[in-house]
Every structure is written in structure tokens, then in C-alpha cells.
Amino acid sequence: MPIIRSSEIGTYLYCQRAWWYRKNGYKPQNQAELAAGILAHDQHGSKVQKADTLRKLAYFLLLAAGILAIVSLILQFSS
């Protein structure tokens, strides 16, 4: 019995004909569009990773600023 992968189920649910073509070894004719889509997804993923890194950096800097403000207040009022 052949193994059915989740990507096959997704393809089948989206378009049964596309699933059949892929299952029977037919290659899509829109290779340029598919390559452009892969590139667009890769670029988007890269932007998402950069945004996540910047968000983490912003939280760290906000925390550091808060700690410095508290230390400054403590030093100011302790003298």
C-alpha cells in the first residue's frame, strides 16, 4: 500500500486534477511561475526572521532601559 503524505492530501483537496497529474509523473508547465513563487516565499521568510530578531532586540533594549532607569532613580534618591 503506498504512503500518502499530508502534502498530497493538501494538493488533492485544492485540485484533484493537479494531484492526479503529480501522481502520474506529469511536470507542471509553469516552471517559471513556480520558481518565482518559491523565491518570493524564501524572501518573505527571510524578512520574517529579520523582523523577529529586531523585535527581540527591541524587547531587550526596552528591558535594559527600564533597569537603567530604576538604577538611576535608586542612586538619585539614595544620596
N, C-alpha and C. Protein backbone atom coordinates (compact mmCIF):
# COMPACT_ATOMS: atom_id res chain seq x y z
N MET A 1 0.84 -1.18 0.00
CA MET A 1 0.00 0.00 0.00
C MET A 1 0.90 1.25 0.00
N PRO A 2 0.67 2.19 -0.91
CA PRO A 2 1.52 3.37 -0.98
C PRO A 2 1.26 4.32 0.19
N ILE A 3 2.30 5.03 0.56
CA ILE A 3 2.20 6.01 1.64
C ILE A 3 1.62 7.30 1.08
N ILE A 4 0.65 7.86 1.77
CA ILE A 4 0.05 9.13 1.36
C ILE A 4 0.57 10.19 2.33
N ARG A 5 1.20 11.20 1.77
CA ARG A 5 1.76 12.28 2.57
C ARG A 5 0.73 13.40 2.73
N SER A 6 0.92 14.20 3.79
CA SER A 6 -0.02 15.28 4.04
C SER A 6 -0.03 16.30 2.90
N SER A 7 1.12 16.51 2.26
CA SER A 7 1.15 17.46 1.13
C SER A 7 0.30 16.94 -0.02
N GLU A 8 0.25 15.62 -0.20
CA GLU A 8 -0.61 15.06 -1.23
C GLU A 8 -2.08 15.31 -0.91
N ILE A 9 -2.44 15.20 0.34
CA ILE A 9 -3.83 15.45 0.73
C ILE A 9 -4.17 16.92 0.46
N GLY A 10 -3.24 17.82 0.80
CA GLY A 10 -3.48 19.23 0.53
C GLY A 10 -3.63 19.50 -0.95
N THR A 11 -2.78 18.89 -1.76
CA THR A 11 -2.88 19.06 -3.21
C THR A 11 -4.21 18.51 -3.71
N TYR A 12 -4.59 17.34 -3.21
CA TYR A 12 -5.84 16.73 -3.64
C TYR A 12 -7.04 17.60 -3.26
N LEU A 13 -7.03 18.13 -2.04
CA LEU A 13 -8.14 18.96 -1.62
C LEU A 13 -8.20 20.27 -2.41
N TYR A 14 -7.03 20.79 -2.78
CA TYR A 14 -7.01 22.04 -3.55
C TYR A 14 -7.43 21.77 -5.00
N CYS A 15 -6.87 20.73 -5.62
CA CYS A 15 -7.19 20.43 -7.02
C CYS A 15 -6.91 18.95 -7.28
N GLN A 16 -7.97 18.19 -7.48
CA GLN A 16 -7.83 16.76 -7.69
C GLN A 16 -7.06 16.45 -8.96
N ARG A 17 -7.23 17.29 -9.98
CA ARG A 17 -6.52 17.06 -11.24
C ARG A 17 -5.02 17.26 -11.06
N ALA A 18 -4.64 18.31 -10.32
CA ALA A 18 -3.21 18.56 -10.06
C ALA A 18 -2.61 17.38 -9.31
N TRP A 19 -3.35 16.85 -8.35
CA TRP A 19 -2.88 15.68 -7.60
C TRP A 19 -2.67 14.50 -8.53
N TRP A 20 -3.63 14.26 -9.43
CA TRP A 20 -3.53 13.14 -10.36
C TRP A 20 -2.34 13.31 -11.29
N TYR A 21 -2.16 14.54 -11.81
CA TYR A 21 -1.02 14.80 -12.69
C TYR A 21 0.30 14.51 -11.96
N ARG A 22 0.41 15.02 -10.76
CA ARG A 22 1.65 14.82 -10.00
C ARG A 22 1.86 13.33 -9.72
N LYS A 23 0.80 12.62 -9.35
CA LYS A 23 0.89 11.20 -9.03
C LYS A 23 1.34 10.39 -10.23
N ASN A 24 0.95 10.82 -11.42
CA ASN A 24 1.28 10.09 -12.64
C ASN A 24 2.52 10.64 -13.35
N GLY A 25 3.28 11.50 -12.67
CA GLY A 25 4.58 11.91 -13.18
C GLY A 25 4.57 13.08 -14.14
N TYR A 26 3.44 13.75 -14.31
CA TYR A 26 3.42 14.91 -15.20
C TYR A 26 4.08 16.10 -14.51
N LYS A 27 4.88 16.84 -15.27
CA LYS A 27 5.56 18.02 -14.74
C LYS A 27 4.73 19.26 -15.08
N PRO A 28 4.61 20.20 -14.14
CA PRO A 28 3.88 21.44 -14.44
C PRO A 28 4.58 22.22 -15.55
N GLN A 29 3.79 22.89 -16.36
CA GLN A 29 4.35 23.68 -17.46
C GLN A 29 4.73 25.08 -17.01
N ASN A 30 4.29 25.50 -15.86
CA ASN A 30 4.56 26.86 -15.38
C ASN A 30 5.74 26.88 -14.42
N GLN A 31 6.88 26.35 -14.88
CA GLN A 31 8.06 26.25 -14.04
C GLN A 31 8.58 27.63 -13.61
N ALA A 32 8.50 28.61 -14.51
CA ALA A 32 8.97 29.96 -14.17
C ALA A 32 8.14 30.55 -13.04
N GLU A 33 6.83 30.39 -13.11
CA GLU A 33 5.95 30.91 -12.06
C GLU A 33 6.19 30.20 -10.74
N LEU A 34 6.39 28.89 -10.80
CA LEU A 34 6.65 28.13 -9.59
C LEU A 34 7.98 28.56 -8.95
N ALA A 35 9.00 28.77 -9.78
CA ALA A 35 10.30 29.22 -9.27
C ALA A 35 10.17 30.61 -8.65
N ALA A 36 9.39 31.50 -9.29
CA ALA A 36 9.19 32.84 -8.75
C ALA A 36 8.45 32.77 -7.42
N GLY A 37 7.51 31.85 -7.30
CA GLY A 37 6.77 31.68 -6.04
C GLY A 37 7.67 31.18 -4.93
N ILE A 38 8.54 30.25 -5.25
CA ILE A 38 9.49 29.73 -4.26
C ILE A 38 10.41 30.85 -3.79
N LEU A 39 10.91 31.64 -4.76
CA LEU A 39 11.78 32.76 -4.41
C LEU A 39 11.06 33.77 -3.53
N ALA A 40 9.81 34.08 -3.87
CA ALA A 40 9.03 35.03 -3.07
C ALA A 40 8.82 34.52 -1.65
N HIS A 41 8.54 33.23 -1.51
CA HIS A 41 8.36 32.65 -0.18
C HIS A 41 9.67 32.69 0.61
N ASP A 42 10.78 32.40 -0.05
CA ASP A 42 12.08 32.45 0.63
C ASP A 42 12.39 33.87 1.10
N GLN A 43 12.13 34.86 0.24
CA GLN A 43 12.39 36.25 0.61
C GLN A 43 11.49 36.67 1.77
N HIS A 44 10.24 36.26 1.73
CA HIS A 44 9.32 36.60 2.82
C HIS A 44 9.78 35.96 4.13
N GLY A 45 10.18 34.69 4.07
CA GLY A 45 10.68 34.02 5.26
C GLY A 45 11.89 34.72 5.85
N SER A 46 12.77 35.21 4.98
CA SER A 46 13.94 35.94 5.44
C SER A 46 13.53 37.23 6.15
N LYS A 47 12.56 37.93 5.58
CA LYS A 47 12.07 39.17 6.20
C LYS A 47 11.41 38.90 7.55
N VAL A 48 10.69 37.80 7.64
CA VAL A 48 10.03 37.45 8.91
C VAL A 48 11.08 37.15 9.97
N GLN A 49 12.14 36.43 9.61
CA GLN A 49 13.21 36.14 10.57
C GLN A 49 13.90 37.42 11.03
N LYS A 50 14.16 38.35 10.10
CA LYS A 50 14.78 39.61 10.48
C LYS A 50 13.87 40.41 11.41
N ALA A 51 12.58 40.44 11.10
CA ALA A 51 11.64 41.16 11.94
C ALA A 51 11.58 40.55 13.34
N ASP A 52 11.62 39.23 13.43
CA ASP A 52 11.60 38.56 14.73
C ASP A 52 12.86 38.91 15.53
N THR A 53 13.99 38.92 14.86
CA THR A 53 15.25 39.29 15.53
C THR A 53 15.20 40.73 16.04
N LEU A 54 14.69 41.64 15.20
CA LEU A 54 14.58 43.04 15.61
C LEU A 54 13.60 43.22 16.77
N ARG A 55 12.52 42.44 16.76
CA ARG A 55 11.55 42.50 17.86
C ARG A 55 12.20 42.07 19.17
N LYS A 56 12.97 40.99 19.12
CA LYS A 56 13.66 40.52 20.32
C LYS A 56 14.69 41.54 20.81
N LEU A 57 15.40 42.16 19.87
CA LEU A 57 16.36 43.20 20.23
C LEU A 57 15.65 44.38 20.88
N ALA A 58 14.50 44.77 20.34
CA ALA A 58 13.74 45.88 20.90
C ALA A 58 13.30 45.57 22.33
N TYR A 59 12.82 44.36 22.58
CA TYR A 59 12.42 43.98 23.94
C TYR A 59 13.62 44.03 24.89
N PHE A 60 14.76 43.54 24.42
CA PHE A 60 15.97 43.56 25.25
C PHE A 60 16.37 45.00 25.59
N LEU A 61 16.37 45.87 24.57
CA LEU A 61 16.74 47.27 24.81
C LEU A 61 15.74 47.97 25.73
N LEU A 62 14.47 47.65 25.59
CA LEU A 62 13.45 48.22 26.48
C LEU A 62 13.68 47.77 27.92
N LEU A 63 13.98 46.51 28.10
CA LEU A 63 14.27 45.98 29.43
C LEU A 63 15.52 46.64 30.01
N ALA A 64 16.56 46.77 29.19
CA ALA A 64 17.79 47.41 29.66
C ALA A 64 17.53 48.86 30.04
N ALA A 65 16.72 49.58 29.25
CA ALA A 65 16.40 50.97 29.58
C ALA A 65 15.62 51.05 30.89
N GLY A 66 14.71 50.13 31.10
CA GLY A 66 13.95 50.10 32.36
C GLY A 66 14.85 49.86 33.55
N ILE A 67 15.76 48.91 33.42
CA ILE A 67 16.69 48.62 34.51
C ILE A 67 17.58 49.82 34.79
N LEU A 68 18.08 50.47 33.75
CA LEU A 68 18.91 51.65 33.94
C LEU A 68 18.13 52.79 34.59
N ALA A 69 16.86 52.95 34.23
CA ALA A 69 16.04 53.99 34.85
C ALA A 69 15.84 53.72 36.33
N ILE A 70 15.59 52.46 36.68
CA ILE A 70 15.39 52.10 38.08
C ILE A 70 16.69 52.32 38.87
N VAL A 71 17.81 51.89 38.32
CA VAL A 71 19.11 52.08 38.98
C VAL A 71 19.39 53.56 39.15
N SER A 72 19.10 54.35 38.14
CA SER A 72 19.32 55.80 38.21
C SER A 72 18.47 56.43 39.31
N LEU A 73 17.21 56.02 39.41
CA LEU A 73 16.32 56.54 40.46
C LEU A 73 16.82 56.15 41.85
N ILE A 74 17.24 54.90 41.98
CA ILE A 74 17.75 54.43 43.28
C ILE A 74 18.99 55.22 43.67
N LEU A 75 19.90 55.44 42.73
CA LEU A 75 21.12 56.19 43.04
C LEU A 75 20.81 57.64 43.34
N GLN A 76 19.83 58.21 42.65
CA GLN A 76 19.48 59.60 42.85
C GLN A 76 18.87 59.83 44.24
N PHE A 77 17.99 58.94 44.66
CA PHE A 77 17.31 59.12 45.93
C PHE A 77 18.08 58.57 47.13
N SER A 78 19.11 57.80 46.89
CA SER A 78 19.88 57.24 47.99
C SER A 78 20.98 58.19 48.46
N SER A 79 21.28 59.21 47.68
CA SER A 79 22.35 60.12 48.12
C SER A 79 21.86 61.32 48.86
